[in-house]
Amino acid sequence: MRTSQVEAGDQIAAGLDALAAADVLSLDDQTLRRQLLDLVTAADQVHAELARRVDAFDRRGLAEPDGFRTTKPC
């Protein structure tokens, strides 16, 4: 079964909530290293997906209804 875009967003939020609730200081060294590498990879993926959506948003001219000329920095 394919995950919907809404469900994917909910899963991301739930995962971030779980990470935020974790006691990082109690993690063993191996777990901390693995989670750090996993988070760097995830952050790279999030940035790439954010850029894709900002590009689509800008191409559709959706900034103007929000009171802006563009999503691009001045």
C-alpha atoms as a PDB file:
ATOM      1  CA  MET A   1       0.000   0.000   0.000  1.00  0.00           C
ATOM      2  CA  ARG A   2       1.354   3.399  -0.983  1.00  0.00           C
ATOM      3  CA  THR A   3       1.619   6.095   1.687  1.00  0.00           C
ATOM      4  CA  SER A   4      -0.271   9.290   0.889  1.00  0.00           C
ATOM      5  CA  GLN A   5       1.517  12.624   1.010  1.00  0.00           C
ATOM      6  CA  VAL A   6      -0.536  13.622   4.081  1.00  0.00           C
ATOM      7  CA  GLU A   7       0.352  10.378   5.852  1.00  0.00           C
ATOM      8  CA  ALA A   8       4.028  10.874   4.951  1.00  0.00           C
ATOM      9  CA  GLY A   9       3.973  14.337   6.521  1.00  0.00           C
ATOM     10  CA  ASP A  10       2.305  12.927   9.640  1.00  0.00           C
ATOM     11  CA  GLN A  11       4.950  10.193   9.846  1.00  0.00           C
ATOM     12  CA  ILE A  12       7.746  12.753   9.581  1.00  0.00           C
ATOM     13  CA  ALA A  13       6.180  14.840  12.368  1.00  0.00           C
ATOM     14  CA  ALA A  14       5.720  11.775  14.589  1.00  0.00           C
ATOM     15  CA  GLY A  15       9.321  10.687  14.013  1.00  0.00           C
ATOM     16  CA  LEU A  16      10.635  14.142  14.874  1.00  0.00           C
ATOM     17  CA  ASP A  17       8.498  14.201  18.029  1.00  0.00           C
ATOM     18  CA  ALA A  18       9.966  10.842  19.058  1.00  0.00           C
ATOM     19  CA  LEU A  19      13.510  12.067  18.429  1.00  0.00           C
ATOM     20  CA  ALA A  20      12.865  15.247  20.403  1.00  0.00           C
ATOM     21  CA  ALA A  21      11.525  13.233  23.344  1.00  0.00           C
ATOM     22  CA  ALA A  22      14.590  10.974  23.496  1.00  0.00           C
ATOM     23  CA  ASP A  23      17.153  11.387  26.247  1.00  0.00           C
ATOM     24  CA  VAL A  24      20.172  11.927  24.001  1.00  0.00           C
ATOM     25  CA  LEU A  25      22.633  11.897  26.896  1.00  0.00           C
ATOM     26  CA  SER A  26      21.623   8.329  27.798  1.00  0.00           C
ATOM     27  CA  LEU A  27      22.287   6.914  24.306  1.00  0.00           C
ATOM     28  CA  ASP A  28      25.248   4.592  23.990  1.00  0.00           C
ATOM     29  CA  ASP A  29      28.054   5.729  21.677  1.00  0.00           C
ATOM     30  CA  GLN A  30      27.128   3.433  18.781  1.00  0.00           C
ATOM     31  CA  THR A  31      23.469   4.501  18.830  1.00  0.00           C
ATOM     32  CA  LEU A  32      24.395   8.172  19.043  1.00  0.00           C
ATOM     33  CA  ARG A  33      26.765   7.859  16.073  1.00  0.00           C
ATOM     34  CA  ARG A  34      24.168   5.988  13.998  1.00  0.00           C
ATOM     35  CA  GLN A  35      21.395   8.457  14.830  1.00  0.00           C
ATOM     36  CA  LEU A  36      23.628  11.419  14.035  1.00  0.00           C
ATOM     37  CA  LEU A  37      24.494   9.999  10.616  1.00  0.00           C
ATOM     38  CA  ASP A  38      20.839   9.096  10.002  1.00  0.00           C
ATOM     39  CA  LEU A  39      19.759  12.644  10.925  1.00  0.00           C
ATOM     40  CA  VAL A  40      22.321  14.227   8.589  1.00  0.00           C
ATOM     41  CA  THR A  41      21.065  12.019   5.755  1.00  0.00           C
ATOM     42  CA  ALA A  42      17.441  12.829   6.604  1.00  0.00           C
ATOM     43  CA  ALA A  43      18.199  16.566   6.786  1.00  0.00           C
ATOM     44  CA  ASP A  44      19.747  16.415   3.310  1.00  0.00           C
ATOM     45  CA  GLN A  45      16.645  14.653   2.002  1.00  0.00           C
ATOM     46  CA  VAL A  46      14.323  17.161   3.700  1.00  0.00           C
ATOM     47  CA  HIS A  47      16.253  20.068   2.163  1.00  0.00           C
ATOM     48  CA  ALA A  48      15.998  18.477  -1.286  1.00  0.00           C
ATOM     49  CA  GLU A  49      12.248  17.924  -0.948  1.00  0.00           C
ATOM     50  CA  LEU A  50      11.759  21.435   0.404  1.00  0.00           C
ATOM     51  CA  ALA A  51      13.614  22.854  -2.599  1.00  0.00           C
ATOM     52  CA  ARG A  52      11.420  20.816  -4.980  1.00  0.00           C
ATOM     53  CA  ARG A  53       8.266  22.136  -3.389  1.00  0.00           C
ATOM     54  CA  VAL A  54       9.463  25.736  -3.244  1.00  0.00           C
ATOM     55  CA  ASP A  55      10.308  25.496  -6.945  1.00  0.00           C
ATOM     56  CA  ALA A  56       6.834  24.139  -7.794  1.00  0.00           C
ATOM     57  CA  PHE A  57       5.208  26.775  -5.555  1.00  0.00           C
ATOM     58  CA  ASP A  58       7.163  29.544  -7.279  1.00  0.00           C
ATOM     59  CA  ARG A  59       6.519  28.212 -10.808  1.00  0.00           C
ATOM     60  CA  ARG A  60       2.786  28.246 -10.085  1.00  0.00           C
ATOM     61  CA  GLY A  61       2.947  31.846  -8.861  1.00  0.00           C
ATOM     62  CA  LEU A  62       1.519  30.925  -5.481  1.00  0.00           C
ATOM     63  CA  ALA A  63       3.571  33.536  -3.622  1.00  0.00           C
ATOM     64  CA  GLU A  64       1.476  36.428  -4.955  1.00  0.00           C
ATOM     65  CA  PRO A  65      -1.810  35.346  -3.303  1.00  0.00           C
ATOM     66  CA  ASP A  66       0.147  35.250  -0.036  1.00  0.00           C
ATOM     67  CA  GLY A  67       1.248  38.873  -0.545  1.00  0.00           C
ATOM     68  CA  PHE A  68       4.728  38.208  -1.945  1.00  0.00           C
ATOM     69  CA  ARG A  69       6.170  38.606  -5.437  1.00  0.00           C
ATOM     70  CA  THR A  70       8.325  35.486  -5.279  1.00  0.00           C
ATOM     71  CA  THR A  71       9.725  32.863  -2.942  1.00  0.00           C
ATOM     72  CA  LYS A  72      13.250  33.759  -4.024  1.00  0.00           C
ATOM     73  CA  PRO A  73      15.412  35.915  -1.722  1.00  0.00           C
ATOM     74  CA  CYS A  74      15.853  39.527  -2.731  1.00  0.00           C
END
